[in-house]
């Protein structure tokens, strides 16, 4: 899986605690190897995020992304569950 990082994602990522950045890198690597891994809990979203997907970084942090084409995903946002969905 090839990953494209949106400018907004990069901006948000840089503000995260280092521990979350490190956990993201672990999960990103899993996503690149197997984007259907059960560890990630990849699922489609509804409402304002219809057509987008999410995967878990930690129990609270999520990444929102979109599949662009076969083998390419754009990471759109990263934040806590409550900040993303409230």
PDB file of N, CA and C in Angstrom:
ATOM      1  N   UNK A   1       0.844  -1.175   0.000  1.00  0.00           N
ATOM      2  CA  UNK A   1       0.000   0.000   0.000  1.00  0.00           C
ATOM      3  C   UNK A   1       0.890   1.239   0.000  1.00  0.00           C
ATOM      4  N   UNK A   2       0.667   2.096  -0.953  1.00  0.00           N
ATOM      5  CA  UNK A   2       1.356   3.384  -1.002  1.00  0.00           C
ATOM      6  C   UNK A   2       0.525   4.382  -0.215  1.00  0.00           C
ATOM      7  N   UNK A   3       1.195   5.268   0.529  1.00  0.00           N
ATOM      8  CA  UNK A   3       0.489   6.249   1.348  1.00  0.00           C
ATOM      9  C   UNK A   3       0.838   7.656   0.896  1.00  0.00           C
ATOM     10  N   UNK A   4      -0.208   8.471   0.784  1.00  0.00           N
ATOM     11  CA  UNK A   4      -0.067   9.903   0.522  1.00  0.00           C
ATOM     12  C   UNK A   4      -0.530  10.612   1.790  1.00  0.00           C
ATOM     13  N   UNK A   5       0.219  11.600   2.225  1.00  0.00           N
ATOM     14  CA  UNK A   5      -0.136  12.354   3.426  1.00  0.00           C
ATOM     15  C   UNK A   5      -0.693  13.717   3.021  1.00  0.00           C
ATOM     16  N   UNK A   6      -1.921  14.013   3.439  1.00  0.00           N
ATOM     17  CA  UNK A   6      -2.473  15.340   3.167  1.00  0.00           C
ATOM     18  C   UNK A   6      -1.717  16.370   4.009  1.00  0.00           C
ATOM     19  N   UNK A   7      -1.705  17.611   3.569  1.00  0.00           N
ATOM     20  CA  UNK A   7      -1.046  18.680   4.329  1.00  0.00           C
ATOM     21  C   UNK A   7      -1.668  18.815   5.713  1.00  0.00           C
ATOM     22  N   UNK A   8      -2.986  18.661   5.789  1.00  0.00           N
ATOM     23  CA  UNK A   8      -3.684  18.759   7.067  1.00  0.00           C
ATOM     24  C   UNK A   8      -3.237  17.641   8.008  1.00  0.00           C
ATOM     25  N   UNK A   9      -3.094  16.427   7.490  1.00  0.00           N
ATOM     26  CA  UNK A   9      -2.637  15.306   8.302  1.00  0.00           C
ATOM     27  C   UNK A   9      -1.249  15.601   8.869  1.00  0.00           C
ATOM     28  N   UNK A  10      -0.343  16.053   8.038  1.00  0.00           N
ATOM     29  CA  UNK A  10       1.036  16.337   8.460  1.00  0.00           C
ATOM     30  C   UNK A  10       1.041  17.393   9.561  1.00  0.00           C
ATOM     31  N   UNK A  11       0.237  18.427   9.408  1.00  0.00           N
ATOM     32  CA  UNK A  11       0.149  19.493  10.405  1.00  0.00           C
ATOM     33  C   UNK A  11      -0.321  18.942  11.751  1.00  0.00           C
ATOM     34  N   UNK A  12      -1.350  18.106  11.730  1.00  0.00           N
ATOM     35  CA  UNK A  12      -1.881  17.520  12.962  1.00  0.00           C
ATOM     36  C   UNK A  12      -0.883  16.531  13.574  1.00  0.00           C
ATOM     37  N   UNK A  13      -0.241  15.735  12.739  1.00  0.00           N
ATOM     38  CA  UNK A  13       0.717  14.738  13.204  1.00  0.00           C
ATOM     39  C   UNK A  13       1.856  15.391  13.984  1.00  0.00           C
ATOM     40  N   UNK A  14       2.365  16.497  13.482  1.00  0.00           N
ATOM     41  CA  UNK A  14       3.497  17.180  14.120  1.00  0.00           C
ATOM     42  C   UNK A  14       3.161  17.673  15.527  1.00  0.00           C
ATOM     43  N   UNK A  15       1.891  17.878  15.823  1.00  0.00           N
ATOM     44  CA  UNK A  15       1.459  18.373  17.133  1.00  0.00           C
ATOM     45  C   UNK A  15       1.202  17.249  18.137  1.00  0.00           C
ATOM     46  N   UNK A  16       1.256  16.007  17.685  1.00  0.00           N
ATOM     47  CA  UNK A  16       0.975  14.871  18.566  1.00  0.00           C
ATOM     48  C   UNK A  16       2.139  14.604  19.519  1.00  0.00           C
ATOM     49  N   UNK A  17       1.837  14.004  20.682  1.00  0.00           N
ATOM     50  CA  UNK A  17       2.928  13.571  21.561  1.00  0.00           C
ATOM     51  C   UNK A  17       3.803  12.551  20.835  1.00  0.00           C
ATOM     52  N   UNK A  18       5.083  12.521  21.176  1.00  0.00           N
ATOM     53  CA  UNK A  18       6.032  11.624  20.528  1.00  0.00           C
ATOM     54  C   UNK A  18       5.588  10.171  20.659  1.00  0.00           C
ATOM     55  N   UNK A  19       5.023   9.793  21.795  1.00  0.00           N
ATOM     56  CA  UNK A  19       4.583   8.405  21.984  1.00  0.00           C
ATOM     57  C   UNK A  19       3.498   8.023  20.979  1.00  0.00           C
ATOM     58  N   UNK A  20       2.608   8.950  20.659  1.00  0.00           N
ATOM     59  CA  UNK A  20       1.550   8.685  19.675  1.00  0.00           C
ATOM     60  C   UNK A  20       2.148   8.654  18.268  1.00  0.00           C
ATOM     61  N   UNK A  21       3.100   9.525  17.983  1.00  0.00           N
ATOM     62  CA  UNK A  21       3.773   9.507  16.684  1.00  0.00           C
ATOM     63  C   UNK A  21       4.454   8.156  16.457  1.00  0.00           C
ATOM     64  N   UNK A  22       5.094   7.631  17.489  1.00  0.00           N
ATOM     65  CA  UNK A  22       5.773   6.340  17.356  1.00  0.00           C
ATOM     66  C   UNK A  22       4.761   5.218  17.148  1.00  0.00           C
ATOM     67  N   UNK A  23       3.660   5.248  17.888  1.00  0.00           N
ATOM     68  CA  UNK A  23       2.624   4.227  17.733  1.00  0.00           C
ATOM     69  C   UNK A  23       2.010   4.317  16.330  1.00  0.00           C
ATOM     70  N   UNK A  24       1.814   5.551  15.829  1.00  0.00           N
ATOM     71  CA  UNK A  24       1.296   5.719  14.470  1.00  0.00           C
ATOM     72  C   UNK A  24       2.220   5.043  13.463  1.00  0.00           C
ATOM     73  N   UNK A  25       3.518   5.242  13.592  1.00  0.00           N
ATOM     74  CA  UNK A  25       4.465   4.659  12.642  1.00  0.00           C
ATOM     75  C   UNK A  25       4.368   3.136  12.638  1.00  0.00           C
ATOM     76  N   UNK A  26       4.191   2.544  13.817  1.00  0.00           N
ATOM     77  CA  UNK A  26       4.017   1.090  13.897  1.00  0.00           C
ATOM     78  C   UNK A  26       2.770   0.662  13.132  1.00  0.00           C
ATOM     79  N   UNK A  27       1.654   1.365  13.392  1.00  0.00           N
ATOM     80  CA  UNK A  27       0.386   1.011  12.751  1.00  0.00           C
ATOM     81  C   UNK A  27       0.400   1.316  11.258  1.00  0.00           C
ATOM     82  N   UNK A  28       1.075   2.394  10.871  1.00  0.00           N
ATOM     83  CA  UNK A  28       1.205   2.719   9.445  1.00  0.00           C
ATOM     84  C   UNK A  28       1.917   1.598   8.710  1.00  0.00           C
ATOM     85  N   UNK A  29       2.971   1.072   9.328  1.00  0.00           N
ATOM     86  CA  UNK A  29       3.723  -0.013   8.700  1.00  0.00           C
ATOM     87  C   UNK A  29       2.862  -1.265   8.543  1.00  0.00           C
ATOM     88  N   UNK A  30       2.057  -1.560   9.544  1.00  0.00           N
ATOM     89  CA  UNK A  30       1.125  -2.687   9.441  1.00  0.00           C
ATOM     90  C   UNK A  30       0.140  -2.426   8.308  1.00  0.00           C
ATOM     91  N   UNK A  31      -0.394  -1.200   8.247  1.00  0.00           N
ATOM     92  CA  UNK A  31      -1.350  -0.817   7.204  1.00  0.00           C
ATOM     93  C   UNK A  31      -0.734  -0.986   5.817  1.00  0.00           C
ATOM     94  N   UNK A  32       0.528  -0.609   5.670  1.00  0.00           N
ATOM     95  CA  UNK A  32       1.187  -0.714   4.369  1.00  0.00           C
ATOM     96  C   UNK A  32       1.374  -2.175   3.962  1.00  0.00           C
ATOM     97  N   UNK A  33       1.612  -3.046   4.921  1.00  0.00           N
ATOM     98  CA  UNK A  33       1.798  -4.479   4.646  1.00  0.00           C
ATOM     99  C   UNK A  33       0.473  -5.195   4.410  1.00  0.00           C
ATOM    100  N   UNK A  34      -0.527  -4.877   5.254  1.00  0.00           N
ATOM    101  CA  UNK A  34      -1.815  -5.567   5.186  1.00  0.00           C
ATOM    102  C   UNK A  34      -2.907  -4.629   5.684  1.00  0.00           C
ATOM    103  N   UNK A  35      -3.522  -3.887   4.767  1.00  0.00           N
ATOM    104  CA  UNK A  35      -4.512  -2.889   5.190  1.00  0.00           C
ATOM    105  C   UNK A  35      -5.811  -3.513   5.691  1.00  0.00           C
ATOM    106  N   UNK A  36      -5.884  -4.839   5.705  1.00  0.00           N
ATOM    107  CA  UNK A  36      -7.047  -5.534   6.265  1.00  0.00           C
ATOM    108  C   UNK A  36      -6.718  -6.199   7.600  1.00  0.00           C
ATOM    109  N   UNK A  37      -5.549  -5.916   8.163  1.00  0.00           N
ATOM    110  CA  UNK A  37      -5.145  -6.528   9.425  1.00  0.00           C
ATOM    111  C   UNK A  37      -6.167  -6.231  10.515  1.00  0.00           C
ATOM    112  N   UNK A  38      -6.543  -7.250  11.268  1.00  0.00           N
ATOM    113  CA  UNK A  38      -7.533  -7.068  12.334  1.00  0.00           C
ATOM    114  C   UNK A  38      -7.023  -6.162  13.448  1.00  0.00           C
ATOM    115  N   UNK A  39      -5.722  -6.032  13.586  1.00  0.00           N
ATOM    116  CA  UNK A  39      -5.137  -5.151  14.604  1.00  0.00           C
ATOM    117  C   UNK A  39      -5.575  -3.706  14.375  1.00  0.00           C
ATOM    118  N   UNK A  40      -5.751  -3.327  13.117  1.00  0.00           N
ATOM    119  CA  UNK A  40      -6.070  -1.945  12.763  1.00  0.00           C
ATOM    120  C   UNK A  40      -7.547  -1.593  12.931  1.00  0.00           C
ATOM    121  N   UNK A  41      -8.407  -2.587  12.894  1.00  0.00           N
ATOM    122  CA  UNK A  41      -9.856  -2.355  12.963  1.00  0.00           C
ATOM    123  C   UNK A  41     -10.310  -1.362  11.886  1.00  0.00           C
ATOM    124  N   UNK A  42      -9.891  -1.594  10.654  1.00  0.00           N
ATOM    125  CA  UNK A  42     -10.289  -0.726   9.534  1.00  0.00           C
ATOM    126  C   UNK A  42     -11.792  -0.862   9.310  1.00  0.00           C
ATOM    127  N   UNK A  43     -12.449   0.300   9.206  1.00  0.00           N
ATOM    128  CA  UNK A  43     -13.896   0.287   8.965  1.00  0.00           C
ATOM    129  C   UNK A  43     -14.317   1.545   8.229  1.00  0.00           C
ATOM    130  N   UNK A  44     -15.391   1.404   7.464  1.00  0.00           N
ATOM    131  CA  UNK A  44     -15.952   2.535   6.735  1.00  0.00           C
ATOM    132  C   UNK A  44     -16.680   3.475   7.684  1.00  0.00           C
ATOM    133  N   UNK A  45     -16.730   4.731   7.297  1.00  0.00           N
ATOM    134  CA  UNK A  45     -17.360   5.751   8.131  1.00  0.00           C
ATOM    135  C   UNK A  45     -18.651   6.252   7.503  1.00  0.00           C
ATOM    136  N   UNK A  46     -19.470   6.895   8.324  1.00  0.00           N
ATOM    137  CA  UNK A  46     -20.751   7.449   7.861  1.00  0.00           C
ATOM    138  C   UNK A  46     -20.805   8.931   8.183  1.00  0.00           C
ATOM    139  N   UNK A  47     -21.919   9.524   7.844  1.00  0.00           N
ATOM    140  CA  UNK A  47     -22.130  10.945   8.150  1.00  0.00           C
ATOM    141  C   UNK A  47     -21.212  11.828   7.338  1.00  0.00           C
ATOM    142  N   UNK A  48     -20.562  12.764   8.016  1.00  0.00           N
ATOM    143  CA  UNK A  48     -19.670  13.720   7.347  1.00  0.00           C
ATOM    144  C   UNK A  48     -18.487  13.026   6.679  1.00  0.00           C
ATOM    145  N   UNK A  49     -18.172  11.822   7.125  1.00  0.00           N
ATOM    146  CA  UNK A  49     -17.032  11.079   6.586  1.00  0.00           C
ATOM    147  C   UNK A  49     -17.450   9.928   5.666  1.00  0.00           C
ATOM    148  N   UNK A  50     -18.647   9.972   5.118  1.00  0.00           N
ATOM    149  CA  UNK A  50     -19.100   8.917   4.216  1.00  0.00           C
ATOM    150  C   UNK A  50     -18.106   8.760   3.063  1.00  0.00           C
ATOM    151  N   UNK A  51     -17.746   7.520   2.773  1.00  0.00           N
ATOM    152  CA  UNK A  51     -16.777   7.244   1.717  1.00  0.00           C
ATOM    153  C   UNK A  51     -15.339   7.200   2.210  1.00  0.00           C
ATOM    154  N   UNK A  52     -15.129   7.555   3.470  1.00  0.00           N
ATOM    155  CA  UNK A  52     -13.802   7.514   4.081  1.00  0.00           C
ATOM    156  C   UNK A  52     -13.739   6.319   5.017  1.00  0.00           C
ATOM    157  N   UNK A  53     -12.532   6.027   5.494  1.00  0.00           N
ATOM    158  CA  UNK A  53     -12.296   4.895   6.370  1.00  0.00           C
ATOM    159  C   UNK A  53     -11.453   5.339   7.561  1.00  0.00           C
ATOM    160  N   UNK A  54     -11.400   4.480   8.570  1.00  0.00           N
ATOM    161  CA  UNK A  54     -10.628   4.774   9.767  1.00  0.00           C
ATOM    162  C   UNK A  54      -9.844   3.541  10.182  1.00  0.00           C
ATOM    163  N   UNK A  55      -8.674   3.768  10.796  1.00  0.00           N
ATOM    164  CA  UNK A  55      -7.990   2.674  11.486  1.00  0.00           C
ATOM    165  C   UNK A  55      -7.476   3.168  12.831  1.00  0.00           C
ATOM    166  N   UNK A  56      -7.348   2.222  13.766  1.00  0.00           N
ATOM    167  CA  UNK A  56      -6.932   2.541  15.127  1.00  0.00           C
ATOM    168  C   UNK A  56      -5.419   2.673  15.222  1.00  0.00           C
ATOM    169  N   UNK A  57      -4.987   3.736  15.909  1.00  0.00           N
ATOM    170  CA  UNK A  57      -3.583   3.906  16.262  1.00  0.00           C
ATOM    171  C   UNK A  57      -3.393   3.400  17.688  1.00  0.00           C
ATOM    172  N   UNK A  58      -4.267   3.853  18.582  1.00  0.00           N
ATOM    173  CA  UNK A  58      -4.334   3.377  19.968  1.00  0.00           C
ATOM    174  C   UNK A  58      -5.813   3.144  20.254  1.00  0.00           C
ATOM    175  N   UNK A  59      -6.114   2.887  21.518  1.00  0.00           N
ATOM    176  CA  UNK A  59      -7.519   2.717  21.900  1.00  0.00           C
ATOM    177  C   UNK A  59      -8.312   4.002  21.657  1.00  0.00           C
ATOM    178  N   UNK A  60      -7.640   5.151  21.693  1.00  0.00           N
ATOM    179  CA  UNK A  60      -8.336   6.426  21.540  1.00  0.00           C
ATOM    180  C   UNK A  60      -8.019   7.153  20.232  1.00  0.00           C
ATOM    181  N   UNK A  61      -6.809   7.013  19.701  1.00  0.00           N
ATOM    182  CA  UNK A  61      -6.413   7.753  18.495  1.00  0.00           C
ATOM    183  C   UNK A  61      -6.796   6.988  17.233  1.00  0.00           C
ATOM    184  N   UNK A  62      -7.277   7.737  16.239  1.00  0.00           N
ATOM    185  CA  UNK A  62      -7.706   7.173  14.965  1.00  0.00           C
ATOM    186  C   UNK A  62      -7.076   7.950  13.808  1.00  0.00           C
ATOM    187  N   UNK A  63      -6.935   7.264  12.688  1.00  0.00           N
ATOM    188  CA  UNK A  63      -6.531   7.891  11.430  1.00  0.00           C
ATOM    189  C   UNK A  63      -7.711   7.767  10.478  1.00  0.00           C
ATOM    190  N   UNK A  64      -8.062   8.875   9.837  1.00  0.00           N
ATOM    191  CA  UNK A  64      -9.083   8.861   8.787  1.00  0.00           C
ATOM    192  C   UNK A  64      -8.351   8.910   7.451  1.00  0.00           C
ATOM    193  N   UNK A  65      -8.785   8.036   6.539  1.00  0.00           N
ATOM    194  CA  UNK A  65      -8.121   7.962   5.239  1.00  0.00           C
ATOM    195  C   UNK A  65      -9.131   7.653   4.148  1.00  0.00           C
ATOM    196  N   UNK A  66      -8.660   7.798   2.909  1.00  0.00           N
ATOM    197  CA  UNK A  66      -9.481   7.469   1.738  1.00  0.00           C
ATOM    198  C   UNK A  66      -8.638   6.629   0.795  1.00  0.00           C
ATOM    199  N   UNK A  67      -9.270   5.614   0.214  1.00  0.00           N
ATOM    200  CA  UNK A  67      -8.613   4.839  -0.843  1.00  0.00           C
ATOM    201  C   UNK A  67      -8.705   5.663  -2.120  1.00  0.00           C
ATOM    202  N   UNK A  68      -7.564   5.927  -2.734  1.00  0.00           N
ATOM    203  CA  UNK A  68      -7.528   6.742  -3.955  1.00  0.00           C
ATOM    204  C   UNK A  68      -7.633   5.862  -5.201  1.00  0.00           C
ATOM    205  N   UNK A  69      -6.917   4.774  -5.183  1.00  0.00           N
ATOM    206  CA  UNK A  69      -6.930   3.810  -6.281  1.00  0.00           C
ATOM    207  C   UNK A  69      -6.372   2.511  -5.733  1.00  0.00           C
ATOM    208  N   UNK A  70      -6.261   1.530  -6.565  1.00  0.00           N
ATOM    209  CA  UNK A  70      -5.752   0.247  -6.114  1.00  0.00           C
ATOM    210  C   UNK A  70      -4.345   0.408  -5.563  1.00  0.00           C
ATOM    211  N   UNK A  71      -4.191   0.161  -4.272  1.00  0.00           N
ATOM    212  CA  UNK A  71      -2.873   0.227  -3.658  1.00  0.00           C
ATOM    213  C   UNK A  71      -2.429   1.594  -3.207  1.00  0.00           C
ATOM    214  N   UNK A  72      -3.328   2.600  -3.217  1.00  0.00           N
ATOM    215  CA  UNK A  72      -2.971   3.953  -2.788  1.00  0.00           C
ATOM    216  C   UNK A  72      -4.025   4.470  -1.816  1.00  0.00           C
ATOM    217  N   UNK A  73      -3.558   5.019  -0.684  1.00  0.00           N
ATOM    218  CA  UNK A  73      -4.468   5.618   0.293  1.00  0.00           C
ATOM    219  C   UNK A  73      -3.933   6.977   0.709  1.00  0.00           C
ATOM    220  N   UNK A  74      -4.838   7.941   0.899  1.00  0.00           N
ATOM    221  CA  UNK A  74      -4.478   9.266   1.402  1.00  0.00           C
ATOM    222  C   UNK A  74      -4.900   9.366   2.854  1.00  0.00           C
ATOM    223  N   UNK A  75      -3.930   9.681   3.733  1.00  0.00           N
ATOM    224  CA  UNK A  75      -4.238   9.900   5.136  1.00  0.00           C
ATOM    225  C   UNK A  75      -4.713  11.343   5.281  1.00  0.00           C
ATOM    226  N   UNK A  76      -5.896  11.499   5.847  1.00  0.00           N
ATOM    227  CA  UNK A  76      -6.570  12.792   5.883  1.00  0.00           C
ATOM    228  C   UNK A  76      -6.458  13.478   7.236  1.00  0.00           C
ATOM    229  N   UNK A  77      -6.634  12.710   8.322  1.00  0.00           N
ATOM    230  CA  UNK A  77      -6.674  13.298   9.657  1.00  0.00           C
ATOM    231  C   UNK A  77      -6.221  12.274  10.678  1.00  0.00           C
ATOM    232  N   UNK A  78      -5.730  12.760  11.808  1.00  0.00           N
ATOM    233  CA  UNK A  78      -5.372  11.925  12.943  1.00  0.00           C
ATOM    234  C   UNK A  78      -5.718  12.689  14.195  1.00  0.00           C
ATOM    235  N   UNK A  79      -6.411  12.041  15.114  1.00  0.00           N
ATOM    236  CA  UNK A  79      -6.811  12.702  16.364  1.00  0.00           C
ATOM    237  C   UNK A  79      -7.475  11.677  17.265  1.00  0.00           C
ATOM    238  N   UNK A  80      -7.942  12.139  18.409  1.00  0.00           N
ATOM    239  CA  UNK A  80      -8.674  11.258  19.300  1.00  0.00           C
ATOM    240  C   UNK A  80     -10.059  10.986  18.730  1.00  0.00           C
ATOM    241  N   UNK A  81     -10.643   9.890  19.157  1.00  0.00           N
ATOM    242  CA  UNK A  81     -11.975   9.511  18.692  1.00  0.00           C
ATOM    243  C   UNK A  81     -12.965  10.647  18.947  1.00  0.00           C
ATOM    244  N   UNK A  82     -12.958  11.205  20.142  1.00  0.00           N
ATOM    245  CA  UNK A  82     -13.945  12.249  20.470  1.00  0.00           C
ATOM    246  C   UNK A  82     -13.728  13.518  19.657  1.00  0.00           C
ATOM    247  N   UNK A  83     -12.488  13.890  19.381  1.00  0.00           N
ATOM    248  CA  UNK A  83     -12.246  15.087  18.569  1.00  0.00           C
ATOM    249  C   UNK A  83     -12.652  14.892  17.111  1.00  0.00           C
ATOM    250  N   UNK A  84     -12.484  13.697  16.596  1.00  0.00           N
ATOM    251  CA  UNK A  84     -12.836  13.445  15.203  1.00  0.00           C
ATOM    252  C   UNK A  84     -14.321  13.339  14.977  1.00  0.00           C
ATOM    253  N   UNK A  85     -15.029  12.723  15.902  1.00  0.00           N
ATOM    254  CA  UNK A  85     -16.427  12.369  15.660  1.00  0.00           C
ATOM    255  C   UNK A  85     -17.442  13.163  16.445  1.00  0.00           C
ATOM    256  N   UNK A  86     -17.024  14.214  17.130  1.00  0.00           N
ATOM    257  CA  UNK A  86     -18.019  15.002  17.882  1.00  0.00           C
ATOM    258  C   UNK A  86     -18.295  16.331  17.222  1.00  0.00           C
TER     259      UNK A  86
END
